[in-house]
Each structure stands twice: as structure tokens, then as C-alpha cells.
Amino acid sequence: MMWLDMLRTPMAAPETPALKAMRRAILWSAIALAIAICALQPLRAVLGAGAGGALAGLVLALVVLVPVYVIAKNRADNAYLDASLAAQPDAEGAA
């Protein structure tokens, strides 16, 4: 028996390719935002007033992607948990 089998709390659902892509998009957007904030002066020199728009676009992407990902991941985890609980034998009759 593996140590993972001995855990009493259910683990998360396996990650689908769509959820994985969305998670990576969130991470890369956050990294790009952090880099853009640190390099704001050079961005303003190159893009002018568009630098603020670029930052706003990254923030908007995160504002949209994060809730969509959280809802989709929560639904996948709940479906996985429901399926795993339905597959287990009923423990009510066990003494």
C-alpha cells in the first residue's frame, strides 16, 4: 500500500490538458506582469503611453483567467470526488 492510499482526504482530480494550459497561461501572465512592472521605465521609453495599456492588458488577462480556472478546477475536482465516492462500497453496514 502506498502512502497516498493511506490518506483519508481525497486528492484533486487529474489535470486535463485544458486546465493545464489555463494554469500555465496564468503563471506566464503573472510572470510577464511582474517583469513589465519591474521594467516600466524602459517600456515607457519604447511604447510611450502604450506601456500602461500593456500592463492593463496583463492585469485584465489575469482578472479573467483566474476565476475561470478556479471554477473549472473546482468543478473537475467535485466531479472526480463524486465519482470516486460512488465507486467505493457503502461503509454504513460495516461494523
PDB file of N, CA and C in Angstrom:
ATOM      1  N   MET A   1       0.849  -1.175   0.000  1.00  0.00           N
ATOM      2  CA  MET A   1       0.000   0.000   0.000  1.00  0.00           C
ATOM      3  C   MET A   1       0.894   1.238   0.000  1.00  0.00           C
ATOM      4  N   MET A   2       0.583   2.150  -0.883  1.00  0.00           N
ATOM      5  CA  MET A   2       1.351   3.387  -0.949  1.00  0.00           C
ATOM      6  C   MET A   2       0.877   4.360   0.121  1.00  0.00           C
ATOM      7  N   TRP A   3       1.753   5.311   0.466  1.00  0.00           N
ATOM      8  CA  TRP A   3       1.376   6.305   1.468  1.00  0.00           C
ATOM      9  C   TRP A   3       0.209   7.146   0.981  1.00  0.00           C
ATOM     10  N   LEU A   4       0.090   7.308  -0.341  1.00  0.00           N
ATOM     11  CA  LEU A   4      -1.001   8.097  -0.882  1.00  0.00           C
ATOM     12  C   LEU A   4      -2.345   7.405  -0.661  1.00  0.00           C
ATOM     13  N   ASP A   5      -2.335   6.069  -0.652  1.00  0.00           N
ATOM     14  CA  ASP A   5      -3.566   5.318  -0.415  1.00  0.00           C
ATOM     15  C   ASP A   5      -4.034   5.441   1.025  1.00  0.00           C
ATOM     16  N   MET A   6      -3.131   5.760   1.932  1.00  0.00           N
ATOM     17  CA  MET A   6      -3.488   5.837   3.349  1.00  0.00           C
ATOM     18  C   MET A   6      -4.069   7.197   3.737  1.00  0.00           C
ATOM     19  N   LEU A   7      -4.010   8.156   2.855  1.00  0.00           N
ATOM     20  CA  LEU A   7      -4.588   9.461   3.161  1.00  0.00           C
ATOM     21  C   LEU A   7      -6.110   9.358   3.224  1.00  0.00           C
ATOM     22  N   ARG A   8      -6.675  10.002   4.198  1.00  0.00           N
ATOM     23  CA  ARG A   8      -8.130   9.971   4.329  1.00  0.00           C
ATOM     24  C   ARG A   8      -8.797  11.085   3.534  1.00  0.00           C
ATOM     25  N   THR A   9      -8.083  12.116   3.223  1.00  0.00           N
ATOM     26  CA  THR A   9      -8.670  13.204   2.447  1.00  0.00           C
ATOM     27  C   THR A   9      -8.510  12.906   0.965  1.00  0.00           C
ATOM     28  N   PRO A  10      -9.525  13.210   0.183  1.00  0.00           N
ATOM     29  CA  PRO A  10      -9.426  12.949  -1.256  1.00  0.00           C
ATOM     30  C   PRO A  10      -8.445  13.907  -1.919  1.00  0.00           C
ATOM     31  N   MET A  11      -7.763  13.394  -2.913  1.00  0.00           N
ATOM     32  CA  MET A  11      -6.818  14.214  -3.661  1.00  0.00           C
ATOM     33  C   MET A  11      -7.553  14.883  -4.820  1.00  0.00           C
ATOM     34  N   ALA A  12      -6.919  15.842  -5.428  1.00  0.00           N
ATOM     35  CA  ALA A  12      -7.530  16.567  -6.542  1.00  0.00           C
ATOM     36  C   ALA A  12      -7.630  15.675  -7.774  1.00  0.00           C
ATOM     37  N   ALA A  13      -8.501  16.088  -8.656  1.00  0.00           N
ATOM     38  CA  ALA A  13      -8.687  15.354  -9.903  1.00  0.00           C
ATOM     39  C   ALA A  13      -7.434  15.466 -10.765  1.00  0.00           C
ATOM     40  N   PRO A  14      -7.192  14.462 -11.600  1.00  0.00           N
ATOM     41  CA  PRO A  14      -6.081  14.589 -12.550  1.00  0.00           C
ATOM     42  C   PRO A  14      -6.306  15.809 -13.447  1.00  0.00           C
ATOM     43  N   GLU A  15      -5.227  16.488 -13.770  1.00  0.00           N
ATOM     44  CA  GLU A  15      -5.330  17.730 -14.532  1.00  0.00           C
ATOM     45  C   GLU A  15      -5.524  17.437 -16.017  1.00  0.00           C
ATOM     46  N   THR A  16      -6.569  17.991 -16.590  1.00  0.00           N
ATOM     47  CA  THR A  16      -6.821  17.826 -18.021  1.00  0.00           C
ATOM     48  C   THR A  16      -5.883  18.742 -18.803  1.00  0.00           C
ATOM     49  N   PRO A  17      -5.678  18.456 -20.082  1.00  0.00           N
ATOM     50  CA  PRO A  17      -4.820  19.347 -20.886  1.00  0.00           C
ATOM     51  C   PRO A  17      -5.331  20.792 -20.928  1.00  0.00           C
ATOM     52  N   ALA A  18      -6.642  20.972 -20.939  1.00  0.00           N
ATOM     53  CA  ALA A  18      -7.196  22.335 -20.967  1.00  0.00           C
ATOM     54  C   ALA A  18      -6.899  23.073 -19.665  1.00  0.00           C
ATOM     55  N   LEU A  19      -7.068  22.388 -18.530  1.00  0.00           N
ATOM     56  CA  LEU A  19      -6.767  23.025 -17.247  1.00  0.00           C
ATOM     57  C   LEU A  19      -5.276  23.311 -17.116  1.00  0.00           C
ATOM     58  N   LYS A  20      -4.464  22.403 -17.619  1.00  0.00           N
ATOM     59  CA  LYS A  20      -3.016  22.608 -17.563  1.00  0.00           C
ATOM     60  C   LYS A  20      -2.612  23.823 -18.399  1.00  0.00           C
ATOM     61  N   ALA A  21      -3.194  23.947 -19.579  1.00  0.00           N
ATOM     62  CA  ALA A  21      -2.891  25.100 -20.438  1.00  0.00           C
ATOM     63  C   ALA A  21      -3.343  26.399 -19.783  1.00  0.00           C
ATOM     64  N   MET A  22      -4.505  26.365 -19.147  1.00  0.00           N
ATOM     65  CA  MET A  22      -5.002  27.565 -18.481  1.00  0.00           C
ATOM     66  C   MET A  22      -4.128  27.936 -17.283  1.00  0.00           C
ATOM     67  N   ARG A  23      -3.698  26.930 -16.531  1.00  0.00           N
ATOM     68  CA  ARG A  23      -2.823  27.190 -15.383  1.00  0.00           C
ATOM     69  C   ARG A  23      -1.500  27.788 -15.847  1.00  0.00           C
ATOM     70  N   ARG A  24      -0.954  27.247 -16.921  1.00  0.00           N
ATOM     71  CA  ARG A  24       0.306  27.787 -17.450  1.00  0.00           C
ATOM     72  C   ARG A  24       0.123  29.206 -17.989  1.00  0.00           C
ATOM     73  N   ALA A  25      -1.013  29.479 -18.607  1.00  0.00           N
ATOM     74  CA  ALA A  25      -1.281  30.837 -19.098  1.00  0.00           C
ATOM     75  C   ALA A  25      -1.345  31.823 -17.938  1.00  0.00           C
ATOM     76  N   ILE A  26      -1.937  31.399 -16.827  1.00  0.00           N
ATOM     77  CA  ILE A  26      -1.994  32.257 -15.639  1.00  0.00           C
ATOM     78  C   ILE A  26      -0.591  32.511 -15.110  1.00  0.00           C
ATOM     79  N   LEU A  27       0.204  31.466 -15.010  1.00  0.00           N
ATOM     80  CA  LEU A  27       1.563  31.633 -14.488  1.00  0.00           C
ATOM     81  C   LEU A  27       2.405  32.531 -15.385  1.00  0.00           C
ATOM     82  N   TRP A  28       2.342  32.322 -16.700  1.00  0.00           N
ATOM     83  CA  TRP A  28       3.133  33.146 -17.615  1.00  0.00           C
ATOM     84  C   TRP A  28       2.639  34.586 -17.636  1.00  0.00           C
ATOM     85  N   SER A  29       1.337  34.784 -17.501  1.00  0.00           N
ATOM     86  CA  SER A  29       0.813  36.151 -17.440  1.00  0.00           C
ATOM     87  C   SER A  29       1.280  36.860 -16.182  1.00  0.00           C
ATOM     88  N   ALA A  30       1.296  36.140 -15.066  1.00  0.00           N
ATOM     89  CA  ALA A  30       1.767  36.737 -13.816  1.00  0.00           C
ATOM     90  C   ALA A  30       3.258  37.064 -13.894  1.00  0.00           C
ATOM     91  N   ILE A  31       4.028  36.172 -14.495  1.00  0.00           N
ATOM     92  CA  ILE A  31       5.468  36.428 -14.656  1.00  0.00           C
ATOM     93  C   ILE A  31       5.686  37.627 -15.579  1.00  0.00           C
ATOM     94  N   ALA A  32       4.943  37.672 -16.676  1.00  0.00           N
ATOM     95  CA  ALA A  32       5.074  38.802 -17.606  1.00  0.00           C
ATOM     96  C   ALA A  32       4.681  40.112 -16.939  1.00  0.00           C
ATOM     97  N   LEU A  33       3.649  40.081 -16.099  1.00  0.00           N
ATOM     98  CA  LEU A  33       3.237  41.285 -15.383  1.00  0.00           C
ATOM     99  C   LEU A  33       4.319  41.743 -14.418  1.00  0.00           C
ATOM    100  N   ALA A  34       4.909  40.806 -13.689  1.00  0.00           N
ATOM    101  CA  ALA A  34       5.979  41.164 -12.751  1.00  0.00           C
ATOM    102  C   ALA A  34       7.176  41.762 -13.487  1.00  0.00           C
ATOM    103  N   ILE A  35       7.541  41.163 -14.607  1.00  0.00           N
ATOM    104  CA  ILE A  35       8.669  41.687 -15.392  1.00  0.00           C
ATOM    105  C   ILE A  35       8.326  43.062 -15.958  1.00  0.00           C
ATOM    106  N   ALA A  36       7.098  43.219 -16.438  1.00  0.00           N
ATOM    107  CA  ALA A  36       6.689  44.502 -17.013  1.00  0.00           C
ATOM    108  C   ALA A  36       6.669  45.604 -15.961  1.00  0.00           C
ATOM    109  N   ILE A  37       6.270  45.275 -14.744  1.00  0.00           N
ATOM    110  CA  ILE A  37       6.274  46.275 -13.673  1.00  0.00           C
ATOM    111  C   ILE A  37       7.703  46.667 -13.331  1.00  0.00           C
ATOM    112  N   CYS A  38       8.587  45.680 -13.260  1.00  0.00           N
ATOM    113  CA  CYS A  38       9.993  45.983 -12.954  1.00  0.00           C
ATOM    114  C   CYS A  38      10.658  46.782 -14.077  1.00  0.00           C
ATOM    115  N   ALA A  39      10.230  46.570 -15.303  1.00  0.00           N
ATOM    116  CA  ALA A  39      10.841  47.244 -16.453  1.00  0.00           C
ATOM    117  C   ALA A  39       9.927  48.331 -17.007  1.00  0.00           C
ATOM    118  N   LEU A  40       9.222  49.022 -16.137  1.00  0.00           N
ATOM    119  CA  LEU A  40       8.257  50.015 -16.594  1.00  0.00           C
ATOM    120  C   LEU A  40       8.925  51.194 -17.300  1.00  0.00           C
ATOM    121  N   GLN A  41      10.046  51.655 -16.779  1.00  0.00           N
ATOM    122  CA  GLN A  41      10.720  52.794 -17.417  1.00  0.00           C
ATOM    123  C   GLN A  41      11.180  52.474 -18.843  1.00  0.00           C
ATOM    124  N   PRO A  42      11.854  51.349 -19.077  1.00  0.00           N
ATOM    125  CA  PRO A  42      12.211  51.024 -20.471  1.00  0.00           C
ATOM    126  C   PRO A  42      10.986  50.802 -21.363  1.00  0.00           C
ATOM    127  N   LEU A  43       9.931  50.229 -20.791  1.00  0.00           N
ATOM    128  CA  LEU A  43       8.712  50.042 -21.576  1.00  0.00           C
ATOM    129  C   LEU A  43       8.109  51.382 -21.986  1.00  0.00           C
ATOM    130  N   ARG A  44       8.120  52.338 -21.068  1.00  0.00           N
ATOM    131  CA  ARG A  44       7.588  53.670 -21.388  1.00  0.00           C
ATOM    132  C   ARG A  44       8.439  54.353 -22.454  1.00  0.00           C
ATOM    133  N   ALA A  45       9.741  54.087 -22.423  1.00  0.00           N
ATOM    134  CA  ALA A  45      10.614  54.681 -23.440  1.00  0.00           C
ATOM    135  C   ALA A  45      10.326  54.099 -24.819  1.00  0.00           C
ATOM    136  N   VAL A  46       9.999  52.814 -24.862  1.00  0.00           N
ATOM    137  CA  VAL A  46       9.747  52.147 -26.142  1.00  0.00           C
ATOM    138  C   VAL A  46       8.301  52.335 -26.600  1.00  0.00           C
ATOM    139  N   LEU A  47       7.359  52.099 -25.692  1.00  0.00           N
ATOM    140  CA  LEU A  47       5.943  52.111 -26.063  1.00  0.00           C
ATOM    141  C   LEU A  47       5.242  53.434 -25.785  1.00  0.00           C
ATOM    142  N   GLY A  48       5.842  54.282 -25.001  1.00  0.00           N
ATOM    143  CA  GLY A  48       5.196  55.538 -24.634  1.00  0.00           C
ATOM    144  C   GLY A  48       3.995  55.277 -23.749  1.00  0.00           C
ATOM    145  N   ALA A  49       2.879  55.892 -24.092  1.00  0.00           N
ATOM    146  CA  ALA A  49       1.656  55.725 -23.296  1.00  0.00           C
ATOM    147  C   ALA A  49       1.104  54.303 -23.403  1.00  0.00           C
ATOM    148  N   GLY A  50       1.524  53.567 -24.405  1.00  0.00           N
ATOM    149  CA  GLY A  50       1.063  52.189 -24.569  1.00  0.00           C
ATOM    150  C   GLY A  50       1.572  51.241 -23.504  1.00  0.00           C
ATOM    151  N   ALA A  51       2.587  51.661 -22.747  1.00  0.00           N
ATOM    152  CA  ALA A  51       3.107  50.803 -21.678  1.00  0.00           C
ATOM    153  C   ALA A  51       2.037  50.555 -20.624  1.00  0.00           C
ATOM    154  N   GLY A  52       1.293  51.601 -20.298  1.00  0.00           N
ATOM    155  CA  GLY A  52       0.195  51.429 -19.341  1.00  0.00           C
ATOM    156  C   GLY A  52      -0.874  50.502 -19.876  1.00  0.00           C
ATOM    157  N   GLY A  53      -1.134  50.597 -21.164  1.00  0.00           N
ATOM    158  CA  GLY A  53      -2.107  49.700 -21.783  1.00  0.00           C
ATOM    159  C   GLY A  53      -1.646  48.256 -21.776  1.00  0.00           C
ATOM    160  N   ALA A  54      -0.344  48.055 -21.966  1.00  0.00           N
ATOM    161  CA  ALA A  54       0.197  46.693 -21.919  1.00  0.00           C
ATOM    162  C   ALA A  54       0.043  46.106 -20.520  1.00  0.00           C
ATOM    163  N   LEU A  55       0.343  46.919 -19.512  1.00  0.00           N
ATOM    164  CA  LEU A  55       0.175  46.452 -18.133  1.00  0.00           C
ATOM    165  C   LEU A  55      -1.299  46.184 -17.832  1.00  0.00           C
ATOM    166  N   ALA A  56      -2.159  47.070 -18.290  1.00  0.00           N
ATOM    167  CA  ALA A  56      -3.594  46.878 -18.068  1.00  0.00           C
ATOM    168  C   ALA A  56      -4.085  45.608 -18.760  1.00  0.00           C
ATOM    169  N   GLY A  57      -3.546  45.315 -19.938  1.00  0.00           N
ATOM    170  CA  GLY A  57      -3.926  44.091 -20.642  1.00  0.00           C
ATOM    171  C   GLY A  57      -3.525  42.841 -19.880  1.00  0.00           C
ATOM    172  N   LEU A  58      -2.336  42.864 -19.291  1.00  0.00           N
ATOM    173  CA  LEU A  58      -1.897  41.714 -18.492  1.00  0.00           C
ATOM    174  C   LEU A  58      -2.755  41.553 -17.241  1.00  0.00           C
ATOM    175  N   VAL A  59      -3.073  42.671 -16.596  1.00  0.00           N
ATOM    176  CA  VAL A  59      -3.936  42.607 -15.408  1.00  0.00           C
ATOM    177  C   VAL A  59      -5.316  42.088 -15.796  1.00  0.00           C
ATOM    178  N   LEU A  60      -5.849  42.574 -16.901  1.00  0.00           N
ATOM    179  CA  LEU A  60      -7.163  42.121 -17.363  1.00  0.00           C
ATOM    180  C   LEU A  60      -7.152  40.628 -17.686  1.00  0.00           C
ATOM    181  N   ALA A  61      -6.086  40.163 -18.309  1.00  0.00           N
ATOM    182  CA  ALA A  61      -5.977  38.729 -18.606  1.00  0.00           C
ATOM    183  C   ALA A  61      -6.024  37.908 -17.327  1.00  0.00           C
ATOM    184  N   LEU A  62      -5.321  38.359 -16.303  1.00  0.00           N
ATOM    185  CA  LEU A  62      -5.333  37.634 -15.032  1.00  0.00           C
ATOM    186  C   LEU A  62      -6.694  37.723 -14.352  1.00  0.00           C
ATOM    187  N   VAL A  63      -7.331  38.886 -14.428  1.00  0.00           N
ATOM    188  CA  VAL A  63      -8.652  39.058 -13.811  1.00  0.00           C
ATOM    189  C   VAL A  63      -9.671  38.122 -14.453  1.00  0.00           C
ATOM    190  N   VAL A  64      -9.515  37.841 -15.720  1.00  0.00           N
ATOM    191  CA  VAL A  64     -10.438  36.943 -16.413  1.00  0.00           C
ATOM    192  C   VAL A  64     -10.038  35.484 -16.216  1.00  0.00           C
ATOM    193  N   LEU A  65      -8.756  35.171 -16.383  1.00  0.00           N
ATOM    194  CA  LEU A  65      -8.310  33.776 -16.359  1.00  0.00           C
ATOM    195  C   LEU A  65      -8.424  33.115 -14.987  1.00  0.00           C
ATOM    196  N   VAL A  66      -8.081  33.832 -13.936  1.00  0.00           N
ATOM    197  CA  VAL A  66      -8.047  33.202 -12.609  1.00  0.00           C
ATOM    198  C   VAL A  66      -9.429  32.706 -12.173  1.00  0.00           C
ATOM    199  N   PRO A  67     -10.491  33.523 -12.214  1.00  0.00           N
ATOM    200  CA  PRO A  67     -11.797  32.980 -11.814  1.00  0.00           C
ATOM    201  C   PRO A  67     -12.285  31.847 -12.714  1.00  0.00           C
ATOM    202  N   VAL A  68     -12.026  31.959 -14.017  1.00  0.00           N
ATOM    203  CA  VAL A  68     -12.441  30.892 -14.935  1.00  0.00           C
ATOM    204  C   VAL A  68     -11.727  29.593 -14.574  1.00  0.00           C
ATOM    205  N   TYR A  69     -10.427  29.672 -14.286  1.00  0.00           N
ATOM    206  CA  TYR A  69      -9.662  28.483 -13.916  1.00  0.00           C
ATOM    207  C   TYR A  69     -10.159  27.904 -12.592  1.00  0.00           C
ATOM    208  N   VAL A  70     -10.375  28.758 -11.608  1.00  0.00           N
ATOM    209  CA  VAL A  70     -10.804  28.278 -10.286  1.00  0.00           C
ATOM    210  C   VAL A  70     -12.148  27.570 -10.388  1.00  0.00           C
ATOM    211  N   ILE A  71     -13.076  28.125 -11.139  1.00  0.00           N
ATOM    212  CA  ILE A  71     -14.390  27.490 -11.292  1.00  0.00           C
ATOM    213  C   ILE A  71     -14.265  26.160 -12.030  1.00  0.00           C
ATOM    214  N   ALA A  72     -13.501  26.130 -13.110  1.00  0.00           N
ATOM    215  CA  ALA A  72     -13.335  24.888 -13.877  1.00  0.00           C
ATOM    216  C   ALA A  72     -12.625  23.820 -13.052  1.00  0.00           C
ATOM    217  N   LYS A  73     -11.598  24.207 -12.316  1.00  0.00           N
ATOM    218  CA  LYS A  73     -10.863  23.249 -11.481  1.00  0.00           C
ATOM    219  C   LYS A  73     -11.751  22.731 -10.359  1.00  0.00           C
ATOM    220  N   ASN A  74     -12.541  23.603  -9.761  1.00  0.00           N
ATOM    221  CA  ASN A  74     -13.440  23.183  -8.691  1.00  0.00           C
ATOM    222  C   ASN A  74     -14.472  22.189  -9.209  1.00  0.00           C
ATOM    223  N   ARG A  75     -15.013  22.450 -10.393  1.00  0.00           N
ATOM    224  CA  ARG A  75     -15.978  21.511 -10.981  1.00  0.00           C
ATOM    225  C   ARG A  75     -15.329  20.166 -11.282  1.00  0.00           C
ATOM    226  N   ALA A  76     -14.117  20.183 -11.814  1.00  0.00           N
ATOM    227  CA  ALA A  76     -13.421  18.933 -12.119  1.00  0.00           C
ATOM    228  C   ALA A  76     -13.128  18.153 -10.842  1.00  0.00           C
ATOM    229  N   ASP A  77     -12.692  18.853  -9.798  1.00  0.00           N
ATOM    230  CA  ASP A  77     -12.415  18.178  -8.530  1.00  0.00           C
ATOM    231  C   ASP A  77     -13.683  17.598  -7.919  1.00  0.00           C
ATOM    232  N   ASN A  78     -14.784  18.342  -7.960  1.00  0.00           N
ATOM    233  CA  ASN A  78     -16.043  17.840  -7.409  1.00  0.00           C
ATOM    234  C   ASN A  78     -16.546  16.630  -8.183  1.00  0.00           C
ATOM    235  N   ALA A  79     -16.441  16.662  -9.510  1.00  0.00           N
ATOM    236  CA  ALA A  79     -16.867  15.516 -10.315  1.00  0.00           C
ATOM    237  C   ALA A  79     -15.999  14.297 -10.021  1.00  0.00           C
ATOM    238  N   TYR A  80     -14.700  14.511  -9.876  1.00  0.00           N
ATOM    239  CA  TYR A  80     -13.782  13.416  -9.565  1.00  0.00           C
ATOM    240  C   TYR A  80     -14.089  12.834  -8.186  1.00  0.00           C
ATOM    241  N   LEU A  81     -14.332  13.704  -7.212  1.00  0.00           N
ATOM    242  CA  LEU A  81     -14.649  13.244  -5.861  1.00  0.00           C
ATOM    243  C   LEU A  81     -15.970  12.490  -5.844  1.00  0.00           C
ATOM    244  N   ASP A  82     -16.986  13.004  -6.528  1.00  0.00           N
ATOM    245  CA  ASP A  82     -18.273  12.316  -6.583  1.00  0.00           C
ATOM    246  C   ASP A  82     -18.141  10.943  -7.229  1.00  0.00           C
ATOM    247  N   ALA A  83     -17.361  10.853  -8.299  1.00  0.00           N
ATOM    248  CA  ALA A  83     -17.173   9.566  -8.975  1.00  0.00           C
ATOM    249  C   ALA A  83     -16.408   8.589  -8.094  1.00  0.00           C
ATOM    250  N   SER A  84     -15.400   9.076  -7.373  1.00  0.00           N
ATOM    251  CA  SER A  84     -14.630   8.170  -6.519  1.00  0.00           C
ATOM    252  C   SER A  84     -15.446   7.729  -5.311  1.00  0.00           C
ATOM    253  N   LEU A  85     -16.295   8.599  -4.789  1.00  0.00           N
ATOM    254  CA  LEU A  85     -17.150   8.203  -3.666  1.00  0.00           C
ATOM    255  C   LEU A  85     -18.227   7.229  -4.113  1.00  0.00           C
ATOM    256  N   ALA A  86     -18.741   7.398  -5.320  1.00  0.00           N
ATOM    257  CA  ALA A  86     -19.756   6.488  -5.833  1.00  0.00           C
ATOM    258  C   ALA A  86     -19.167   5.111  -6.117  1.00  0.00           C
ATOM    259  N   ALA A  87     -17.882   5.044  -6.422  1.00  0.00           N
ATOM    260  CA  ALA A  87     -17.240   3.768  -6.734  1.00  0.00           C
ATOM    261  C   ALA A  87     -16.882   2.976  -5.485  1.00  0.00           C
ATOM    262  N   GLN A  88     -16.817   3.636  -4.333  1.00  0.00           N
ATOM    263  CA  GLN A  88     -16.457   2.944  -3.096  1.00  0.00           C
ATOM    264  C   GLN A  88     -17.661   2.182  -2.560  1.00  0.00           C
ATOM    265  N   PRO A  89     -17.405   1.020  -1.932  1.00  0.00           N
ATOM    266  CA  PRO A  89     -18.517   0.292  -1.317  1.00  0.00           C
ATOM    267  C   PRO A  89     -19.072   1.090  -0.143  1.00  0.00           C
ATOM    268  N   ASP A  90     -20.345   0.919   0.103  1.00  0.00           N
ATOM    269  CA  ASP A  90     -21.002   1.659   1.183  1.00  0.00           C
ATOM    270  C   ASP A  90     -20.494   1.162   2.528  1.00  0.00           C
ATOM    271  N   ALA A  91     -20.039   2.061   3.376  1.00  0.00           N
ATOM    272  CA  ALA A  91     -19.449   1.697   4.662  1.00  0.00           C
ATOM    273  C   ALA A  91     -20.454   1.753   5.794  1.00  0.00           C
ATOM    274  N   GLU A  92     -21.744   2.001   5.520  1.00  0.00           N
ATOM    275  CA  GLU A  92     -22.732   2.120   6.588  1.00  0.00           C
ATOM    276  C   GLU A  92     -22.990   0.792   7.279  1.00  0.00           C
ATOM    277  N   GLY A  93     -22.957  -0.294   6.550  1.00  0.00           N
ATOM    278  CA  GLY A  93     -23.239  -1.591   7.138  1.00  0.00           C
ATOM    279  C   GLY A  93     -22.047  -2.214   7.841  1.00  0.00           C
ATOM    280  N   ALA A  94     -20.860  -1.658   7.668  1.00  0.00           N
ATOM    281  CA  ALA A  94     -19.658  -2.216   8.289  1.00  0.00           C
ATOM    282  C   ALA A  94     -19.631  -1.872   9.764  1.00  0.00           C
ATOM    283  N   ALA A  95     -19.181  -2.818  10.552  1.00  0.00           N
ATOM    284  CA  ALA A  95     -19.140  -2.583  11.999  1.00  0.00           C
ATOM    285  C   ALA A  95     -17.743  -2.288  12.453  1.00  0.00           C
TER     286      ALA A  95
END
